[in-house]
Amino acid sequence: MSTKMSNAPVYFALAQVQFNPVAAMHKYVDEIQDQFRRKGYTLFETNHVAHVQFSAVSAVDMGQPKVETVTNWNFSKAGKEIGFLLNNNSLTLQTTFYENREEFIPELLNGVEIVNRVVGLDHISRAGLRYLNAVIPKEEEHIEQYLDSGFHGIESKFNRRYSLDEIVFDTECGPLISDGTLVVRIYSARSVLGFPPDLSLNGLIANPKFITENPLVHSVIDMDHFTDGKVDLDLEKLKDQFFSQHDAIRDAFRTIATPYALSVWE
C-alpha cells in the first residue's frame, strides 16, 4: 500500500491530527480558508453538526441528554475528490481517489502547517489513519478467494445476510507516540457498496470505479490505526509517525488478503 497498486481496492482514505482545543477557531477561519484556497482547495463550506451526549448519574440512570453543536469547516478541491475538514480541535484529510502514502500523508501535514501558522498550535494529542478497501469478486470468483480463511465465517445451510468481524491490536510505532491501537473490521454482505455509519463523504464525490447501483456480494476491509498522547508539534517527526502507523496497516492488510487478492490488485 506504500506504492500505488494498478487496481487498488482503496475507495476511501482518511488521515487526522487532533490538537489542543482552539475555542476561537472561528476567528481564524477566514485566513485559514484563504491559505487553503491558494493551495487549490477552492471550495468552502461551513457545517453545524449536532451531537447528543448523556451524562450518567448512576449505572441505571443515564441522566438528561445534552445536545452539543460542533462546527466543521470544509475545504475541498474543485473536483471534490479530496478535502480537509477542520474543527476546534482537529484537522482531517479525506479522499475518494487515494494514490499512495507518499502523496497523502505530506498533504495532511501541509494542512497542519497552515493551521499552525495561523493559529499557533501548542501540541497534538492524536494521529490517525483509516482506509476502506472494497473486496468485489468478479462474476466467476468467490469472496473466499480474496480473504484469509479466518474471515470466511461459519458454514450453514442458510443464506448468510451479512457478517462483521472486528479485531483490535496493540501496536508499537513512533517516533512521537509509541503505543498505538489498530482496529480491523471486515464487513461482508450482499448489498450496494457503502460507508460505515460513523463516516461521511463531507461533500466529496464517490470514485466511479466503486459506485454500485445494484446489490452485490462484497466485503469491506476497514482499517483504523491511531495513537493517543500529548506531544509537541514536530512536522518532520509527525510525518515519520504516520509512515510508521501506515506500515502496521500495510502488514495487517497483507495478512488479511490472500496472495490471489494481492495479485489481482497489484
Protein backbone atom coordinates (compact mmCIF):
# COMPACT_ATOMS: atom_id res chain seq x y z
CA MET A 1 0.00 0.00 0.00
CA SER A 2 3.03 2.30 0.03
CA THR A 3 3.10 2.47 -3.76
CA LYS A 4 0.07 2.69 -5.99
CA MET A 5 -1.45 -0.63 -6.98
CA SER A 6 -2.64 -0.87 -10.56
CA ASN A 7 -6.07 -1.99 -9.33
CA ALA A 8 -6.04 -0.72 -5.75
CA PRO A 9 -9.10 -1.59 -3.61
CA VAL A 10 -8.96 1.62 -1.51
CA TYR A 11 -12.17 3.60 -2.04
CA PHE A 12 -11.85 5.96 0.93
CA ALA A 13 -8.88 7.16 2.97
CA LEU A 14 -8.70 9.44 5.99
CA ALA A 15 -5.84 10.95 7.97
CA GLN A 16 -6.41 13.05 11.06
CA VAL A 17 -4.45 15.09 13.59
CA GLN A 18 -6.10 16.15 16.84
CA PHE A 19 -4.57 19.12 18.65
CA ASN A 20 -5.14 21.39 21.65
CA PRO A 21 -8.67 22.87 21.53
CA VAL A 22 -8.93 26.33 19.98
CA ALA A 23 -12.29 27.68 21.15
CA ALA A 24 -11.90 30.81 18.99
CA MET A 25 -11.11 28.86 15.81
CA HIS A 26 -13.97 30.65 14.02
CA LYS A 27 -11.99 33.90 14.28
CA TYR A 28 -9.16 32.40 12.23
CA VAL A 29 -11.19 30.54 9.61
CA ASP A 30 -11.14 33.34 7.02
CA GLU A 31 -7.34 33.43 6.98
CA ILE A 32 -7.05 29.63 7.03
CA GLN A 33 -9.53 29.36 4.17
CA ASP A 34 -7.57 31.87 2.10
CA GLN A 35 -4.37 29.87 2.50
CA PHE A 36 -6.12 26.60 1.61
CA ARG A 37 -7.60 28.36 -1.44
CA ARG A 38 -4.11 29.28 -2.59
CA LYS A 39 -3.21 25.56 -2.36
CA GLY A 40 -6.05 24.59 -4.70
CA TYR A 41 -8.80 23.93 -2.16
CA THR A 42 -11.19 26.46 -3.64
CA LEU A 43 -14.49 25.07 -2.34
CA PHE A 44 -15.52 26.18 1.14
CA GLU A 45 -18.47 25.17 3.29
CA THR A 46 -19.48 25.53 6.93
CA ASN A 47 -21.50 22.76 8.61
CA HIS A 48 -23.08 22.58 12.05
CA VAL A 49 -23.45 19.03 13.38
CA ALA A 50 -25.50 18.19 16.49
CA HIS A 51 -24.18 15.51 18.85
CA VAL A 52 -26.30 14.02 21.64
CA GLN A 53 -24.44 13.29 24.87
CA PHE A 54 -25.64 11.55 28.02
CA SER A 55 -24.19 12.19 31.49
CA ALA A 56 -24.56 9.04 33.59
CA VAL A 57 -25.97 9.75 37.05
CA SER A 58 -25.75 6.09 38.04
CA ALA A 59 -25.40 2.68 36.44
CA VAL A 60 -29.12 2.68 35.62
CA ASP A 61 -29.79 6.39 35.20
CA MET A 62 -28.24 7.97 32.11
CA GLY A 63 -29.45 11.44 33.05
CA GLN A 64 -30.81 14.05 30.67
CA PRO A 65 -29.42 14.13 27.13
CA LYS A 66 -27.32 17.15 26.19
CA VAL A 67 -27.17 18.37 22.62
CA GLU A 68 -23.84 19.85 21.58
CA THR A 69 -23.38 21.56 18.22
CA VAL A 70 -19.99 21.16 16.55
CA THR A 71 -18.96 23.46 13.71
CA ASN A 72 -16.93 21.96 10.85
CA TRP A 73 -15.29 23.88 8.04
CA ASN A 74 -14.73 22.02 4.76
CA PHE A 75 -12.02 22.97 2.25
CA SER A 76 -12.20 20.88 -0.94
CA LYS A 77 -10.71 20.91 -4.40
CA ALA A 78 -12.97 21.80 -7.31
CA GLY A 79 -13.17 18.19 -8.47
CA LYS A 80 -14.41 17.15 -5.00
CA GLU A 81 -12.03 14.20 -4.92
CA ILE A 82 -10.12 15.38 -1.84
CA GLY A 83 -10.77 17.79 1.01
CA PHE A 84 -9.92 18.96 4.51
CA LEU A 85 -12.29 19.04 7.46
CA LEU A 86 -11.42 21.47 10.27
CA ASN A 87 -12.99 21.95 13.68
CA ASN A 88 -11.88 23.38 17.01
CA ASN A 89 -9.50 20.54 17.84
CA SER A 90 -8.73 18.52 14.71
CA LEU A 91 -7.83 18.62 11.04
CA THR A 92 -8.84 15.70 8.81
CA LEU A 93 -7.86 14.97 5.21
CA GLN A 94 -10.26 12.74 3.25
CA THR A 95 -10.13 11.41 -0.29
CA THR A 96 -12.07 9.05 -2.53
CA PHE A 97 -9.22 8.96 -5.07
CA TYR A 98 -6.34 7.64 -2.99
CA GLU A 99 -2.96 7.33 -4.67
CA ASN A 100 -0.31 6.38 -2.10
CA ARG A 101 1.04 7.39 1.28
CA GLU A 102 3.89 9.40 -0.25
CA GLU A 103 1.31 11.88 -1.55
CA PHE A 104 -1.45 11.55 1.04
CA ILE A 105 0.43 11.94 4.33
CA PRO A 106 2.51 15.00 3.27
CA GLU A 107 -0.71 16.63 2.04
CA LEU A 108 -2.21 16.33 5.52
CA LEU A 109 0.95 17.80 7.03
CA ASN A 110 0.75 20.74 4.62
CA GLY A 111 -2.70 21.41 6.05
CA VAL A 112 -1.47 21.12 9.63
CA GLU A 113 1.28 23.60 8.81
CA ILE A 114 -1.29 26.09 7.52
CA VAL A 115 -3.41 25.81 10.68
CA ASN A 116 -0.36 26.06 12.91
CA ARG A 117 0.94 29.11 11.04
CA VAL A 118 -2.35 30.94 11.55
CA VAL A 119 -3.39 29.73 14.99
CA GLY A 120 -0.15 28.68 16.71
CA LEU A 121 -0.79 25.15 17.99
CA ASP A 122 0.65 24.02 21.32
CA HIS A 123 0.59 20.25 20.94
CA ILE A 124 -1.04 17.29 19.23
CA SER A 125 -3.00 14.60 21.06
CA ARG A 126 -3.86 12.02 18.38
CA ALA A 127 -2.67 10.88 14.96
CA GLY A 128 -4.91 8.55 12.98
CA LEU A 129 -5.11 6.80 9.61
CA ARG A 130 -8.12 4.93 8.25
CA TYR A 131 -8.65 3.04 4.99
CA LEU A 132 -11.73 1.43 3.46
CA ASN A 133 -10.91 -1.32 0.95
CA ALA A 134 -13.58 -2.78 -1.33
CA VAL A 135 -13.31 -6.52 -1.98
CA ILE A 136 -15.52 -7.11 -5.02
CA PRO A 137 -15.06 -10.50 -6.70
CA LYS A 138 -15.71 -10.89 -10.40
CA GLU A 139 -18.69 -12.90 -11.61
CA GLU A 140 -16.78 -16.19 -11.78
CA GLU A 141 -14.98 -15.62 -8.45
CA HIS A 142 -15.83 -16.06 -4.77
CA ILE A 143 -15.17 -13.74 -1.85
CA GLU A 144 -13.24 -16.55 -0.15
CA GLN A 145 -10.55 -16.25 -2.82
CA TYR A 146 -9.73 -12.76 -1.53
CA LEU A 147 -9.86 -13.14 2.26
CA ASP A 148 -7.78 -15.31 4.56
CA SER A 149 -9.65 -18.39 5.77
CA GLY A 150 -10.05 -16.87 9.24
CA PHE A 151 -12.56 -14.39 7.78
CA HIS A 152 -14.78 -16.79 5.82
CA GLY A 153 -17.37 -17.09 8.59
CA ILE A 154 -19.24 -20.20 9.68
CA GLU A 155 -20.74 -22.67 7.24
CA SER A 156 -24.53 -23.06 7.24
CA LYS A 157 -27.31 -24.37 5.04
CA PHE A 158 -28.93 -20.94 5.33
CA ASN A 159 -28.09 -17.92 3.19
CA ARG A 160 -25.90 -15.52 5.12
CA ARG A 161 -27.28 -11.98 5.11
CA TYR A 162 -24.12 -10.30 6.38
CA SER A 163 -21.19 -10.79 8.76
CA LEU A 164 -18.93 -8.50 10.74
CA ASP A 165 -15.53 -9.38 12.22
CA GLU A 166 -13.63 -6.96 14.42
CA ILE A 167 -10.12 -7.36 15.79
CA VAL A 168 -8.25 -4.82 17.94
CA PHE A 169 -4.44 -4.89 18.12
CA ASP A 170 -1.97 -3.11 20.36
CA THR A 171 0.83 -1.74 18.16
CA GLU A 172 4.25 -0.18 18.54
CA CYS A 173 5.11 2.77 16.34
CA GLY A 174 6.86 6.11 16.60
CA PRO A 175 8.73 8.36 16.92
CA LEU A 176 6.28 10.73 18.64
CA ILE A 177 3.86 8.24 20.23
CA SER A 178 4.92 4.63 20.67
CA ASP A 179 1.71 2.88 21.74
CA GLY A 180 -0.98 2.54 19.09
CA THR A 181 -4.33 0.87 18.51
CA LEU A 182 -5.20 -0.84 15.24
CA VAL A 183 -8.86 -1.69 14.71
CA VAL A 184 -9.64 -4.01 11.79
CA ARG A 185 -13.22 -4.63 10.74
CA ILE A 186 -14.26 -6.92 7.90
CA TYR A 187 -17.86 -6.49 6.79
CA SER A 188 -19.31 -8.92 4.24
CA ALA A 189 -22.77 -8.67 2.70
CA ARG A 190 -24.91 -8.72 -0.41
CA SER A 191 -25.72 -5.03 -0.82
CA VAL A 192 -24.53 -1.90 -2.56
CA LEU A 193 -21.06 -0.72 -1.55
CA GLY A 194 -21.42 1.90 1.15
CA PHE A 195 -19.77 3.55 4.14
CA PRO A 196 -19.78 2.83 7.88
CA PRO A 197 -22.31 4.95 9.80
CA ASP A 198 -19.56 6.95 11.52
CA LEU A 199 -18.07 8.20 8.23
CA SER A 200 -19.33 10.82 5.81
CA LEU A 201 -18.09 11.99 2.42
CA ASN A 202 -18.43 15.63 3.57
CA GLY A 203 -19.14 16.91 0.07
CA LEU A 204 -16.71 14.64 -1.79
CA ILE A 205 -17.81 12.56 -4.76
CA ALA A 206 -17.50 8.79 -4.86
CA ASN A 207 -14.93 7.28 -7.19
CA PRO A 208 -16.90 5.98 -10.23
CA LYS A 209 -14.82 2.81 -10.11
CA PHE A 210 -16.53 1.87 -6.84
CA ILE A 211 -20.11 3.04 -7.47
CA THR A 212 -22.51 0.08 -7.36
CA GLU A 213 -26.16 0.59 -8.25
CA ASN A 214 -27.34 -2.95 -7.55
CA PRO A 215 -26.70 -5.23 -4.55
CA LEU A 216 -23.64 -7.45 -4.96
CA VAL A 217 -21.63 -9.84 -2.83
CA HIS A 218 -18.64 -7.98 -1.43
CA SER A 219 -16.56 -7.29 1.66
CA VAL A 220 -15.10 -4.11 3.10
CA ILE A 221 -11.76 -4.19 4.92
CA ASP A 222 -11.93 -1.23 7.31
CA MET A 223 -8.56 -0.45 8.94
CA ASP A 224 -8.24 2.27 11.57
CA HIS A 225 -4.86 2.91 13.25
CA PHE A 226 -4.48 5.67 15.81
CA THR A 227 -2.12 6.81 18.55
CA ASP A 228 -3.01 8.96 21.57
CA GLY A 229 -0.63 11.10 23.59
CA LYS A 230 0.17 14.75 24.27
CA VAL A 231 3.34 15.67 22.36
CA ASP A 232 4.86 18.82 20.91
CA LEU A 233 4.09 19.53 17.29
CA ASP A 234 7.05 18.49 15.12
CA LEU A 235 6.01 18.11 11.48
CA GLU A 236 9.01 16.01 10.45
CA LYS A 237 8.54 13.58 13.31
CA LEU A 238 4.78 13.61 12.70
CA LYS A 239 5.44 12.50 9.13
CA ASP A 240 7.52 9.58 10.42
CA GLN A 241 4.76 8.80 12.92
CA PHE A 242 2.17 8.48 10.15
CA PHE A 243 4.50 6.40 7.98
CA SER A 244 5.09 4.07 10.92
CA GLN A 245 1.35 3.72 11.53
CA HIS A 246 0.85 3.09 7.83
CA ASP A 247 3.40 0.26 7.95
CA ALA A 248 1.30 -1.53 10.59
CA ILE A 249 -1.82 -1.13 8.42
CA ARG A 250 0.05 -2.47 5.40
CA ASP A 251 1.28 -5.53 7.30
CA ALA A 252 -2.20 -6.34 8.63
CA PHE A 253 -3.71 -5.83 5.19
CA ARG A 254 -1.29 -8.31 3.63
CA THR A 255 -2.23 -10.85 6.32
CA ILE A 256 -5.97 -10.49 5.68
CA ALA A 257 -5.74 -10.51 1.87
CA THR A 258 -4.81 -13.74 0.11
CA PRO A 259 -1.92 -13.99 -2.36
CA TYR A 260 -4.56 -14.27 -5.08
CA ALA A 261 -6.16 -10.97 -3.99
CA LEU A 262 -2.81 -9.20 -3.95
CA SER A 263 -2.04 -10.47 -7.45
CA VAL A 264 -5.36 -9.05 -8.69
CA TRP A 265 -4.86 -5.67 -7.03
CA GLU A 266 -1.17 -5.22 -7.78
